[in-house]
Amino acid sequence: MKIAILSDSHDNIKNLEKTLAFCKKKKIKKIIHCGDITKAETLNFIKDNFKGEIFVSLGNADLKEEILFLKENLEGVSIFENLGEIEINNLKIGFCHFPNDLNELIQKKEYDFFFFGHTHKPSLKKNKKCYLVNPGNSANLYFQPTFAILDTKSKKLNLVLINKL
């Protein structure tokens, strides 16, 4: 199964359109968003244009009350205020917005993958058995817009350059 990992969309609908079209074409079944969607309308846009399951961790630029209001009303969308945790194909996956204290957190929980955002810059590190991944930003702020794809079968990650889509 392939999962798209996004962060820091900041209401950039044009780049979300490209990203979601790519997800549809590649038959991606799940999206993890590591925060800073920003407005509830943007989360609704993602849900309306993606038929799979969506997991969201809130960030500092999110209008939290607005987005949390949707929590009960959006089927197929799971919203976490801070730390999100899921298991897919026997992989323990954690995600949040802020990269603070990640080393301590991953040692307590023993994740296979941990995704985060906030810095807008894509990165990949390995800490023991856990891959720490920032998919970059899909908003085109400070760095070129990117997102990541995780293949849960092969456990491989790919970075997608949105401007090349």
C-alpha atoms as a PDB file:
ATOM      1  CA  MET A   1       0.000   0.000   0.000  1.00  0.00           C
ATOM      2  CA  LYS A   2       1.174   3.494  -0.763  1.00  0.00           C
ATOM      3  CA  ILE A   3       0.634   6.424   1.602  1.00  0.00           C
ATOM      4  CA  ALA A   4       1.132  10.116   0.793  1.00  0.00           C
ATOM      5  CA  ILE A   5       2.700  12.223   3.534  1.00  0.00           C
ATOM      6  CA  LEU A   6       2.109  15.979   3.368  1.00  0.00           C
ATOM      7  CA  SER A   7       2.837  18.914   5.596  1.00  0.00           C
ATOM      8  CA  ASP A   8       2.520  22.680   5.649  1.00  0.00           C
ATOM      9  CA  SER A   9      -0.087  23.132   2.908  1.00  0.00           C
ATOM     10  CA  HIS A  10      -1.019  26.620   4.160  1.00  0.00           C
ATOM     11  CA  ASP A  11      -4.190  26.699   2.030  1.00  0.00           C
ATOM     12  CA  ASN A  12      -2.313  26.354  -1.284  1.00  0.00           C
ATOM     13  CA  ILE A  13      -5.194  24.783  -3.218  1.00  0.00           C
ATOM     14  CA  LYS A  14      -3.341  24.812  -6.557  1.00  0.00           C
ATOM     15  CA  ASN A  15      -0.578  22.560  -5.179  1.00  0.00           C
ATOM     16  CA  LEU A  16      -3.104  20.394  -3.335  1.00  0.00           C
ATOM     17  CA  GLU A  17      -4.944  19.856  -6.634  1.00  0.00           C
ATOM     18  CA  LYS A  18      -1.716  18.602  -8.233  1.00  0.00           C
ATOM     19  CA  THR A  19      -0.909  16.441  -5.206  1.00  0.00           C
ATOM     20  CA  LEU A  20      -4.362  14.868  -5.016  1.00  0.00           C
ATOM     21  CA  ALA A  21      -4.431  14.215  -8.775  1.00  0.00           C
ATOM     22  CA  PHE A  22      -1.088  12.412  -8.393  1.00  0.00           C
ATOM     23  CA  CYS A  23      -2.520  10.387  -5.485  1.00  0.00           C
ATOM     24  CA  LYS A  24      -5.513   9.357  -7.577  1.00  0.00           C
ATOM     25  CA  LYS A  25      -3.339   8.388 -10.539  1.00  0.00           C
ATOM     26  CA  LYS A  26      -1.003   6.312  -8.322  1.00  0.00           C
ATOM     27  CA  LYS A  27      -3.920   4.712  -6.421  1.00  0.00           C
ATOM     28  CA  ILE A  28      -2.752   5.997  -3.055  1.00  0.00           C
ATOM     29  CA  LYS A  29      -5.118   4.830  -0.307  1.00  0.00           C
ATOM     30  CA  LYS A  30      -4.164   7.003   2.677  1.00  0.00           C
ATOM     31  CA  ILE A  31      -2.843  10.478   3.413  1.00  0.00           C
ATOM     32  CA  ILE A  32      -0.994  11.594   6.525  1.00  0.00           C
ATOM     33  CA  HIS A  33      -0.878  15.369   6.923  1.00  0.00           C
ATOM     34  CA  CYS A  34       1.624  16.707   9.472  1.00  0.00           C
ATOM     35  CA  GLY A  35      -0.067  20.017  10.170  1.00  0.00           C
ATOM     36  CA  ASP A  36      -0.562  23.542   8.922  1.00  0.00           C
ATOM     37  CA  ILE A  37      -3.448  22.803   6.605  1.00  0.00           C
ATOM     38  CA  THR A  38      -4.646  26.142   8.038  1.00  0.00           C
ATOM     39  CA  LYS A  39      -8.408  26.447   7.383  1.00  0.00           C
ATOM     40  CA  ALA A  40     -11.273  23.974   7.710  1.00  0.00           C
ATOM     41  CA  GLU A  41     -12.218  24.719   4.088  1.00  0.00           C
ATOM     42  CA  THR A  42      -8.852  23.357   2.976  1.00  0.00           C
ATOM     43  CA  LEU A  43      -9.371  20.128   4.908  1.00  0.00           C
ATOM     44  CA  ASN A  44     -12.822  19.863   3.325  1.00  0.00           C
ATOM     45  CA  PHE A  45     -11.195  20.368  -0.090  1.00  0.00           C
ATOM     46  CA  ILE A  46      -8.754  17.504   0.593  1.00  0.00           C
ATOM     47  CA  LYS A  47     -11.597  15.237   1.742  1.00  0.00           C
ATOM     48  CA  ASP A  48     -13.776  16.126  -1.257  1.00  0.00           C
ATOM     49  CA  ASN A  49     -10.931  15.315  -3.673  1.00  0.00           C
ATOM     50  CA  PHE A  50      -9.454  12.203  -2.026  1.00  0.00           C
ATOM     51  CA  LYS A  51     -11.461   9.040  -1.549  1.00  0.00           C
ATOM     52  CA  GLY A  52      -9.114   7.291   0.909  1.00  0.00           C
ATOM     53  CA  GLU A  53      -8.468   7.643   4.617  1.00  0.00           C
ATOM     54  CA  ILE A  54      -6.914  10.873   5.928  1.00  0.00           C
ATOM     55  CA  PHE A  55      -4.938  11.354   9.152  1.00  0.00           C
ATOM     56  CA  VAL A  56      -4.164  14.894  10.334  1.00  0.00           C
ATOM     57  CA  SER A  57      -2.002  16.286  13.119  1.00  0.00           C
ATOM     58  CA  LEU A  58      -2.578  19.958  13.839  1.00  0.00           C
ATOM     59  CA  GLY A  59       0.152  22.586  13.530  1.00  0.00           C
ATOM     60  CA  ASN A  60       0.795  26.127  14.734  1.00  0.00           C
ATOM     61  CA  ALA A  61      -0.864  27.833  11.728  1.00  0.00           C
ATOM     62  CA  ASP A  62      -4.022  25.725  11.868  1.00  0.00           C
ATOM     63  CA  LEU A  63      -7.270  27.314  12.966  1.00  0.00           C
ATOM     64  CA  LYS A  64      -7.657  24.557  15.543  1.00  0.00           C
ATOM     65  CA  GLU A  65     -11.203  25.226  16.738  1.00  0.00           C
ATOM     66  CA  GLU A  66     -12.420  25.417  13.139  1.00  0.00           C
ATOM     67  CA  ILE A  67     -10.719  22.158  12.159  1.00  0.00           C
ATOM     68  CA  LEU A  68     -11.573  20.318  15.380  1.00  0.00           C
ATOM     69  CA  PHE A  69     -15.227  21.216  14.779  1.00  0.00           C
ATOM     70  CA  LEU A  70     -15.031  18.960  11.701  1.00  0.00           C
ATOM     71  CA  LYS A  71     -13.664  16.046  13.738  1.00  0.00           C
ATOM     72  CA  GLU A  72     -17.065  14.440  14.286  1.00  0.00           C
ATOM     73  CA  ASN A  73     -18.465  15.314  10.866  1.00  0.00           C
ATOM     74  CA  LEU A  74     -15.861  14.164   8.346  1.00  0.00           C
ATOM     75  CA  GLU A  75     -16.060  10.452   7.713  1.00  0.00           C
ATOM     76  CA  GLY A  76     -12.688   8.911   6.901  1.00  0.00           C
ATOM     77  CA  VAL A  77     -10.743  11.751   8.517  1.00  0.00           C
ATOM     78  CA  SER A  78      -8.930  11.296  11.843  1.00  0.00           C
ATOM     79  CA  ILE A  79      -7.719  14.510  13.488  1.00  0.00           C
ATOM     80  CA  PHE A  80      -5.098  14.533  16.241  1.00  0.00           C
ATOM     81  CA  GLU A  81      -4.375  17.721  18.154  1.00  0.00           C
ATOM     82  CA  ASN A  82      -0.700  16.874  18.640  1.00  0.00           C
ATOM     83  CA  LEU A  83       0.626  13.350  18.179  1.00  0.00           C
ATOM     84  CA  GLY A  84      -0.956  10.903  15.770  1.00  0.00           C
ATOM     85  CA  GLU A  85      -0.260   7.184  15.906  1.00  0.00           C
ATOM     86  CA  ILE A  86      -1.421   4.518  13.474  1.00  0.00           C
ATOM     87  CA  GLU A  87      -0.414   1.023  12.431  1.00  0.00           C
ATOM     88  CA  ILE A  88      -0.523   0.029   8.771  1.00  0.00           C
ATOM     89  CA  ASN A  89       0.723  -3.315   7.425  1.00  0.00           C
ATOM     90  CA  ASN A  90       2.481  -4.011  10.748  1.00  0.00           C
ATOM     91  CA  LEU A  91       4.348  -0.695  10.589  1.00  0.00           C
ATOM     92  CA  LYS A  92       4.121   1.576  13.618  1.00  0.00           C
ATOM     93  CA  ILE A  93       3.779   5.117  12.313  1.00  0.00           C
ATOM     94  CA  GLY A  94       3.814   8.305  14.356  1.00  0.00           C
ATOM     95  CA  PHE A  95       3.312  11.847  13.122  1.00  0.00           C
ATOM     96  CA  CYS A  96       3.106  15.369  14.470  1.00  0.00           C
ATOM     97  CA  HIS A  97       3.824  18.907  13.357  1.00  0.00           C
ATOM     98  CA  PHE A  98       6.704  20.018  15.557  1.00  0.00           C
ATOM     99  CA  PRO A  99      10.094  18.250  15.398  1.00  0.00           C
ATOM    100  CA  ASN A 100      10.855  18.971  19.081  1.00  0.00           C
ATOM    101  CA  ASP A 101      11.891  16.072  21.322  1.00  0.00           C
ATOM    102  CA  LEU A 102      11.584  13.471  18.557  1.00  0.00           C
ATOM    103  CA  ASN A 103      14.553  11.371  19.701  1.00  0.00           C
ATOM    104  CA  GLU A 104      13.051  10.901  23.161  1.00  0.00           C
ATOM    105  CA  LEU A 105       9.614  10.156  21.736  1.00  0.00           C
ATOM    106  CA  ILE A 106      10.708   7.532  19.223  1.00  0.00           C
ATOM    107  CA  GLN A 107      12.768   5.673  21.806  1.00  0.00           C
ATOM    108  CA  LYS A 108       9.712   5.369  24.075  1.00  0.00           C
ATOM    109  CA  LYS A 109       7.337   4.190  21.343  1.00  0.00           C
ATOM    110  CA  GLU A 110       9.601   2.253  18.921  1.00  0.00           C
ATOM    111  CA  TYR A 111       8.116   3.555  15.664  1.00  0.00           C
ATOM    112  CA  ASP A 112       9.143   2.290  12.253  1.00  0.00           C
ATOM    113  CA  PHE A 113       8.457   5.692  10.699  1.00  0.00           C
ATOM    114  CA  PHE A 114       7.883   9.071  12.278  1.00  0.00           C
ATOM    115  CA  PHE A 115       6.726  12.001  10.136  1.00  0.00           C
ATOM    116  CA  PHE A 116       6.795  15.677  11.077  1.00  0.00           C
ATOM    117  CA  GLY A 117       6.585  19.126   9.492  1.00  0.00           C
ATOM    118  CA  HIS A 118       6.999  22.749  10.547  1.00  0.00           C
ATOM    119  CA  THR A 119      10.438  23.477   9.047  1.00  0.00           C
ATOM    120  CA  HIS A 120       9.138  23.275   5.445  1.00  0.00           C
ATOM    121  CA  LYS A 121      12.399  21.530   4.475  1.00  0.00           C
ATOM    122  CA  PRO A 122      12.408  17.873   3.427  1.00  0.00           C
ATOM    123  CA  SER A 123      14.683  15.631   5.476  1.00  0.00           C
ATOM    124  CA  LEU A 124      15.347  11.981   6.173  1.00  0.00           C
ATOM    125  CA  LYS A 125      17.296  10.583   9.130  1.00  0.00           C
ATOM    126  CA  LYS A 126      17.485   7.210  10.766  1.00  0.00           C
ATOM    127  CA  ASN A 127      17.518   6.757  14.537  1.00  0.00           C
ATOM    128  CA  LYS A 128      18.086   3.087  15.321  1.00  0.00           C
ATOM    129  CA  LYS A 129      15.232   1.356  13.462  1.00  0.00           C
ATOM    130  CA  CYS A 130      13.058   4.449  13.032  1.00  0.00           C
ATOM    131  CA  TYR A 131      13.077   6.692   9.975  1.00  0.00           C
ATOM    132  CA  LEU A 132      12.481  10.353  10.862  1.00  0.00           C
ATOM    133  CA  VAL A 133      10.977  12.090   7.857  1.00  0.00           C
ATOM    134  CA  ASN A 134       9.937  15.628   7.046  1.00  0.00           C
ATOM    135  CA  PRO A 135       8.083  15.555   3.691  1.00  0.00           C
ATOM    136  CA  GLY A 136       8.730  19.264   3.190  1.00  0.00           C
ATOM    137  CA  ASN A 137       5.913  21.678   2.430  1.00  0.00           C
ATOM    138  CA  SER A 138       3.242  21.598  -0.223  1.00  0.00           C
ATOM    139  CA  ALA A 139       2.681  25.364  -0.008  1.00  0.00           C
ATOM    140  CA  ASN A 140       5.845  26.474  -1.835  1.00  0.00           C
ATOM    141  CA  LEU A 141       7.052  28.513   1.162  1.00  0.00           C
ATOM    142  CA  TYR A 142      10.820  28.950   1.711  1.00  0.00           C
ATOM    143  CA  PHE A 143      11.622  25.696  -0.149  1.00  0.00           C
ATOM    144  CA  GLN A 144      10.219  24.114  -3.292  1.00  0.00           C
ATOM    145  CA  PRO A 145       6.924  22.260  -2.719  1.00  0.00           C
ATOM    146  CA  THR A 146       7.230  18.546  -1.981  1.00  0.00           C
ATOM    147  CA  PHE A 147       5.513  15.604  -0.355  1.00  0.00           C
ATOM    148  CA  ALA A 148       6.579  12.019   0.341  1.00  0.00           C
ATOM    149  CA  ILE A 149       5.235   8.622  -0.650  1.00  0.00           C
ATOM    150  CA  LEU A 150       5.729   5.593   1.610  1.00  0.00           C
ATOM    151  CA  ASP A 151       5.341   2.133   0.128  1.00  0.00           C
ATOM    152  CA  THR A 152       4.415   0.023   3.156  1.00  0.00           C
ATOM    153  CA  LYS A 153       5.315  -3.220   1.381  1.00  0.00           C
ATOM    154  CA  SER A 154       8.882  -2.324   0.379  1.00  0.00           C
ATOM    155  CA  LYS A 155       9.294   0.254   3.202  1.00  0.00           C
ATOM    156  CA  LYS A 156      10.724   2.695   0.661  1.00  0.00           C
ATOM    157  CA  LEU A 157      10.184   6.436   0.649  1.00  0.00           C
ATOM    158  CA  ASN A 158      10.125   8.741  -2.345  1.00  0.00           C
ATOM    159  CA  LEU A 159      10.085  12.527  -2.401  1.00  0.00           C
ATOM    160  CA  VAL A 160       7.755  14.040  -5.004  1.00  0.00           C
ATOM    161  CA  LEU A 161       8.480  17.506  -6.411  1.00  0.00           C
ATOM    162  CA  ILE A 162       5.097  19.160  -6.873  1.00  0.00           C
ATOM    163  CA  ASN A 163       6.388  21.632  -9.498  1.00  0.00           C
ATOM    164  CA  LYS A 164       7.295  18.649 -11.706  1.00  0.00           C
ATOM    165  CA  LEU A 165       3.756  17.222 -11.647  1.00  0.00           C
END
